């Protein structure tokens, strides 16, 4: 029976290393599976952070443009809020959705 067991498992150090590896991989609070999940979440959050940083930069550029250029401010007000001058009429066209 003992002849079937590999010699490195008969060694107390080899057995200790095996038990430690199994413990760290599956049973520890910071096991490898949990660490993989944390790493995946971190990558996703970094992508979101980059997206929001890009959006902030775009919004700051738009704000700067709106605060310095009067024509851009008028265009923004007309397109986003449907504002008009007193002598103008507004026509809004919506695409018809086919069912």
N, C-alpha and C. Protein backbone atom coordinates (compact mmCIF):
# COMPACT_ATOMS: atom_id res chain seq x y z
N UNK A 1 0.82 -1.20 0.00
CA UNK A 1 0.00 0.00 0.00
C UNK A 1 0.86 1.26 0.00
N UNK A 2 1.91 1.31 0.79
CA UNK A 2 2.78 2.48 0.84
C UNK A 2 3.63 2.60 -0.41
N UNK A 3 3.76 1.54 -1.17
CA UNK A 3 4.56 1.59 -2.39
C UNK A 3 3.86 2.39 -3.49
N UNK A 4 2.54 2.50 -3.43
CA UNK A 4 1.79 3.24 -4.44
C UNK A 4 1.84 4.75 -4.20
N UNK A 5 2.15 5.19 -3.01
CA UNK A 5 2.22 6.61 -2.68
C UNK A 5 3.56 7.16 -3.18
N UNK A 6 3.53 8.29 -3.93
CA UNK A 6 4.79 8.87 -4.41
C UNK A 6 5.70 9.25 -3.24
N UNK A 7 6.98 9.23 -3.51
CA UNK A 7 7.94 9.47 -2.43
C UNK A 7 7.87 10.90 -1.90
N UNK A 8 7.51 11.86 -2.73
CA UNK A 8 7.44 13.24 -2.26
C UNK A 8 6.26 13.45 -1.32
N UNK A 9 5.23 12.60 -1.40
CA UNK A 9 4.12 12.69 -0.45
C UNK A 9 4.46 12.03 0.89
N UNK A 10 5.41 11.13 0.87
CA UNK A 10 5.85 10.52 2.13
C UNK A 10 6.68 11.50 2.94
N UNK A 11 7.27 12.45 2.24
CA UNK A 11 8.08 13.47 2.89
C UNK A 11 7.15 14.47 3.56
N UNK A 12 7.40 14.81 4.81
CA UNK A 12 6.50 15.73 5.54
C UNK A 12 6.52 17.12 4.94
N UNK A 13 7.63 17.54 4.31
CA UNK A 13 7.69 18.86 3.70
C UNK A 13 6.86 18.91 2.41
N UNK A 14 6.94 17.86 1.63
CA UNK A 14 6.13 17.79 0.41
C UNK A 14 4.65 17.78 0.73
N UNK A 15 4.30 17.01 1.74
CA UNK A 15 2.90 16.96 2.17
C UNK A 15 2.44 18.32 2.70
N UNK A 16 3.31 19.00 3.44
CA UNK A 16 2.97 20.33 3.97
C UNK A 16 2.76 21.33 2.85
N UNK A 17 3.61 21.26 1.84
CA UNK A 17 3.47 22.17 0.70
C UNK A 17 2.17 21.90 -0.04
N UNK A 18 1.83 20.64 -0.22
CA UNK A 18 0.59 20.28 -0.89
C UNK A 18 -0.63 20.78 -0.11
N UNK A 19 -0.64 20.56 1.20
CA UNK A 19 -1.76 21.02 2.03
C UNK A 19 -1.84 22.54 1.99
N UNK A 20 -0.70 23.22 2.07
CA UNK A 20 -0.69 24.69 2.01
C UNK A 20 -1.24 25.18 0.68
N UNK A 21 -0.83 24.57 -0.42
CA UNK A 21 -1.32 24.97 -1.74
C UNK A 21 -2.83 24.78 -1.87
N UNK A 22 -3.33 23.64 -1.41
CA UNK A 22 -4.78 23.39 -1.45
C UNK A 22 -5.52 24.39 -0.57
N UNK A 23 -4.98 24.67 0.59
CA UNK A 23 -5.63 25.63 1.50
C UNK A 23 -5.70 27.02 0.89
N UNK A 24 -4.58 27.49 0.35
CA UNK A 24 -4.54 28.83 -0.24
C UNK A 24 -5.41 28.91 -1.48
N UNK A 25 -5.47 27.84 -2.24
CA UNK A 25 -6.25 27.86 -3.48
C UNK A 25 -7.75 27.87 -3.24
N UNK A 26 -8.23 27.13 -2.25
CA UNK A 26 -9.67 26.95 -2.12
C UNK A 26 -10.28 27.45 -0.81
N UNK A 27 -9.60 27.36 0.31
CA UNK A 27 -10.25 27.57 1.60
C UNK A 27 -9.92 28.89 2.28
N UNK A 28 -8.85 29.53 1.92
CA UNK A 28 -8.44 30.76 2.58
C UNK A 28 -9.41 31.89 2.24
N UNK A 29 -9.45 32.89 3.09
CA UNK A 29 -10.32 34.05 2.86
C UNK A 29 -9.92 34.76 1.57
N UNK A 30 -8.64 34.82 1.28
CA UNK A 30 -8.14 35.46 0.07
C UNK A 30 -7.67 34.40 -0.92
N UNK A 31 -8.52 33.45 -1.22
CA UNK A 31 -8.12 32.35 -2.11
C UNK A 31 -7.96 32.84 -3.55
N UNK A 32 -7.42 32.00 -4.38
CA UNK A 32 -7.12 32.38 -5.76
C UNK A 32 -8.37 32.72 -6.56
N UNK A 33 -9.46 32.03 -6.31
CA UNK A 33 -10.70 32.31 -7.04
C UNK A 33 -11.24 33.70 -6.69
N UNK A 34 -11.17 34.05 -5.43
CA UNK A 34 -11.60 35.39 -5.01
C UNK A 34 -10.69 36.45 -5.59
N UNK A 35 -9.41 36.19 -5.60
CA UNK A 35 -8.45 37.14 -6.17
C UNK A 35 -8.71 37.34 -7.66
N UNK A 36 -9.07 36.28 -8.36
CA UNK A 36 -9.40 36.41 -9.79
C UNK A 36 -10.64 37.29 -9.98
N UNK A 37 -11.66 37.10 -9.14
CA UNK A 37 -12.85 37.95 -9.21
C UNK A 37 -12.50 39.41 -8.95
N UNK A 38 -11.68 39.65 -7.94
CA UNK A 38 -11.26 41.01 -7.63
C UNK A 38 -10.50 41.64 -8.80
N UNK A 39 -9.66 40.85 -9.42
CA UNK A 39 -8.89 41.36 -10.56
C UNK A 39 -9.82 41.71 -11.73
N UNK A 40 -10.81 40.88 -11.98
CA UNK A 40 -11.77 41.16 -13.05
C UNK A 40 -12.57 42.42 -12.76
N UNK A 41 -13.01 42.57 -11.52
CA UNK A 41 -13.76 43.77 -11.15
C UNK A 41 -12.89 45.02 -11.26
N UNK A 42 -11.63 44.90 -10.90
CA UNK A 42 -10.72 46.03 -11.00
C UNK A 42 -10.54 46.47 -12.45
N UNK A 43 -10.39 45.51 -13.35
CA UNK A 43 -10.26 45.85 -14.77
C UNK A 43 -11.51 46.55 -15.28
N UNK A 44 -12.69 46.05 -14.88
CA UNK A 44 -13.95 46.67 -15.31
C UNK A 44 -14.07 48.09 -14.76
N UNK A 45 -13.69 48.28 -13.52
CA UNK A 45 -13.77 49.61 -12.91
C UNK A 45 -12.78 50.59 -13.55
N UNK A 46 -11.62 50.10 -13.97
CA UNK A 46 -10.66 50.96 -14.67
C UNK A 46 -11.21 51.39 -16.03
N UNK A 47 -11.91 50.47 -16.71
CA UNK A 47 -12.54 50.84 -17.99
C UNK A 47 -13.61 51.90 -17.76
N UNK A 48 -14.41 51.72 -16.72
CA UNK A 48 -15.43 52.71 -16.40
C UNK A 48 -14.81 54.05 -16.04
N UNK A 49 -13.72 54.02 -15.28
CA UNK A 49 -13.04 55.25 -14.90
C UNK A 49 -12.54 55.99 -16.14
N UNK A 50 -11.97 55.27 -17.09
CA UNK A 50 -11.50 55.89 -18.32
C UNK A 50 -12.66 56.49 -19.10
N UNK A 51 -13.78 55.77 -19.17
CA UNK A 51 -14.96 56.29 -19.86
C UNK A 51 -15.43 57.59 -19.22
N UNK A 52 -15.54 57.61 -17.89
CA UNK A 52 -16.02 58.82 -17.21
C UNK A 52 -15.02 59.96 -17.31
N UNK A 53 -13.73 59.66 -17.31
CA UNK A 53 -12.74 60.72 -17.50
C UNK A 53 -12.86 61.33 -18.89
N UNK A 54 -13.10 60.50 -19.90
CA UNK A 54 -13.31 61.00 -21.25
C UNK A 54 -14.56 61.86 -21.33
N UNK A 55 -15.63 61.41 -20.67
CA UNK A 55 -16.87 62.19 -20.67
C UNK A 55 -16.68 63.53 -19.96
N UNK A 56 -15.95 63.55 -18.87
CA UNK A 56 -15.69 64.79 -18.15
C UNK A 56 -14.90 65.75 -19.03
N UNK A 57 -13.88 65.24 -19.72
CA UNK A 57 -13.09 66.09 -20.61
C UNK A 57 -13.95 66.67 -21.73
N UNK A 58 -14.82 65.82 -22.29
CA UNK A 58 -15.70 66.29 -23.36
C UNK A 58 -16.67 67.35 -22.84
N UNK A 59 -17.21 67.16 -21.66
CA UNK A 59 -18.14 68.11 -21.08
C UNK A 59 -17.45 69.43 -20.74
N UNK A 60 -16.22 69.36 -20.22
CA UNK A 60 -15.48 70.59 -19.93
C UNK A 60 -15.20 71.37 -21.20
N UNK A 61 -14.86 70.65 -22.28
CA UNK A 61 -14.61 71.32 -23.56
C UNK A 61 -15.89 72.00 -24.05
N UNK A 62 -17.00 71.30 -23.95
CA UNK A 62 -18.28 71.86 -24.38
C UNK A 62 -18.67 73.07 -23.52
N UNK A 63 -18.44 72.97 -22.22
CA UNK A 63 -18.74 74.10 -21.33
C UNK A 63 -17.88 75.31 -21.67
N UNK A 64 -16.61 75.08 -21.93
CA UNK A 64 -15.73 76.19 -22.29
C UNK A 64 -16.20 76.82 -23.60
N UNK A 65 -16.58 75.99 -24.56
CA UNK A 65 -17.07 76.50 -25.84
C UNK A 65 -18.36 77.29 -25.67
N UNK A 66 -19.26 76.81 -24.82
CA UNK A 66 -20.53 77.50 -24.61
C UNK A 66 -20.34 78.82 -23.86
N UNK A 67 -19.37 78.87 -22.98
CA UNK A 67 -19.18 80.11 -22.22
C UNK A 67 -18.40 81.16 -23.00
N UNK A 68 -17.74 80.79 -24.09
CA UNK A 68 -16.96 81.77 -24.85
C UNK A 68 -17.59 82.12 -26.19
N UNK A 69 -18.36 81.24 -26.79
CA UNK A 69 -18.89 81.46 -28.13
C UNK A 69 -20.42 81.62 -28.06
N UNK A 70 -20.89 82.80 -28.44
CA UNK A 70 -22.32 83.10 -28.37
C UNK A 70 -23.12 82.26 -29.37
N UNK A 71 -22.57 82.05 -30.56
CA UNK A 71 -23.29 81.26 -31.57
C UNK A 71 -23.42 79.80 -31.13
N UNK A 72 -22.41 79.28 -30.50
CA UNK A 72 -22.47 77.90 -30.01
C UNK A 72 -23.51 77.79 -28.89
N UNK A 73 -23.62 78.82 -28.06
CA UNK A 73 -24.62 78.84 -27.00
C UNK A 73 -26.03 78.86 -27.58
N UNK A 74 -26.25 79.67 -28.62
CA UNK A 74 -27.56 79.70 -29.27
C UNK A 74 -27.89 78.34 -29.90
N UNK A 75 -26.92 77.75 -30.57
CA UNK A 75 -27.14 76.45 -31.20
C UNK A 75 -27.48 75.39 -30.15
N UNK A 76 -26.77 75.39 -29.03
CA UNK A 76 -27.03 74.44 -27.95
C UNK A 76 -28.44 74.63 -27.39
N UNK A 77 -28.84 75.87 -27.15
CA UNK A 77 -30.17 76.16 -26.60
C UNK A 77 -31.26 75.72 -27.58
N UNK A 78 -31.04 75.94 -28.86
CA UNK A 78 -32.05 75.56 -29.86
C UNK A 78 -32.17 74.04 -29.96
N UNK A 79 -31.05 73.34 -29.99
CA UNK A 79 -31.08 71.90 -30.20
C UNK A 79 -31.52 71.12 -28.96
N UNK A 80 -31.02 71.50 -27.81
CA UNK A 80 -31.28 70.73 -26.59
C UNK A 80 -32.59 71.12 -25.91
N UNK A 81 -32.88 72.41 -25.89
CA UNK A 81 -34.03 72.88 -25.12
C UNK A 81 -35.14 73.48 -25.98
N UNK A 82 -34.99 73.40 -27.31
CA UNK A 82 -35.99 73.89 -28.27
C UNK A 82 -36.36 75.35 -28.02
N UNK A 83 -35.39 76.16 -27.62
CA UNK A 83 -35.61 77.59 -27.43
C UNK A 83 -35.60 78.28 -28.79
N UNK A 84 -36.26 79.43 -28.85
CA UNK A 84 -36.34 80.16 -30.11
C UNK A 84 -36.39 81.65 -29.84
N UNK A 85 -36.14 82.40 -30.89
CA UNK A 85 -36.30 83.84 -30.81
C UNK A 85 -37.77 84.16 -31.00
N UNK A 86 -38.16 85.39 -30.70
CA UNK A 86 -39.58 85.76 -30.77
C UNK A 86 -40.17 85.64 -32.17
N UNK A 87 -39.39 85.92 -33.18
CA UNK A 87 -39.92 85.92 -34.55
C UNK A 87 -39.68 84.59 -35.29
N UNK A 88 -39.40 83.51 -34.57
CA UNK A 88 -39.12 82.23 -35.20
C UNK A 88 -40.18 81.19 -34.82
N UNK A 89 -40.28 80.17 -35.67
CA UNK A 89 -41.12 79.03 -35.36
C UNK A 89 -40.24 77.79 -35.33
N UNK A 90 -40.64 76.83 -34.51
CA UNK A 90 -39.87 75.60 -34.39
C UNK A 90 -40.69 74.43 -34.93
N UNK A 91 -40.05 73.64 -35.75
CA UNK A 91 -40.65 72.42 -36.26
C UNK A 91 -39.81 71.25 -35.78
N UNK A 92 -40.45 70.30 -35.11
CA UNK A 92 -39.76 69.13 -34.59
C UNK A 92 -40.21 67.91 -35.40
N UNK A 93 -39.25 67.22 -35.99
CA UNK A 93 -39.55 66.03 -36.77
C UNK A 93 -39.07 64.81 -35.98
N UNK A 94 -39.96 63.83 -35.86
CA UNK A 94 -39.59 62.59 -35.19
C UNK A 94 -39.72 61.45 -36.18
N UNK A 95 -38.79 60.55 -36.13
CA UNK A 95 -38.84 59.40 -37.02
C UNK A 95 -39.92 58.45 -36.53
N UNK A 96 -40.70 57.95 -37.48
CA UNK A 96 -41.77 57.05 -37.13
C UNK A 96 -41.20 55.64 -36.98
N UNK A 97 -41.52 55.00 -35.89
CA UNK A 97 -41.03 53.65 -35.64
C UNK A 97 -41.96 52.64 -36.30
N UNK A 98 -41.36 51.76 -37.08
CA UNK A 98 -42.16 50.72 -37.72
C UNK A 98 -42.26 49.51 -36.81
N UNK A 99 -43.43 48.94 -36.75
CA UNK A 99 -43.64 47.79 -35.88
C UNK A 99 -43.77 46.53 -36.66
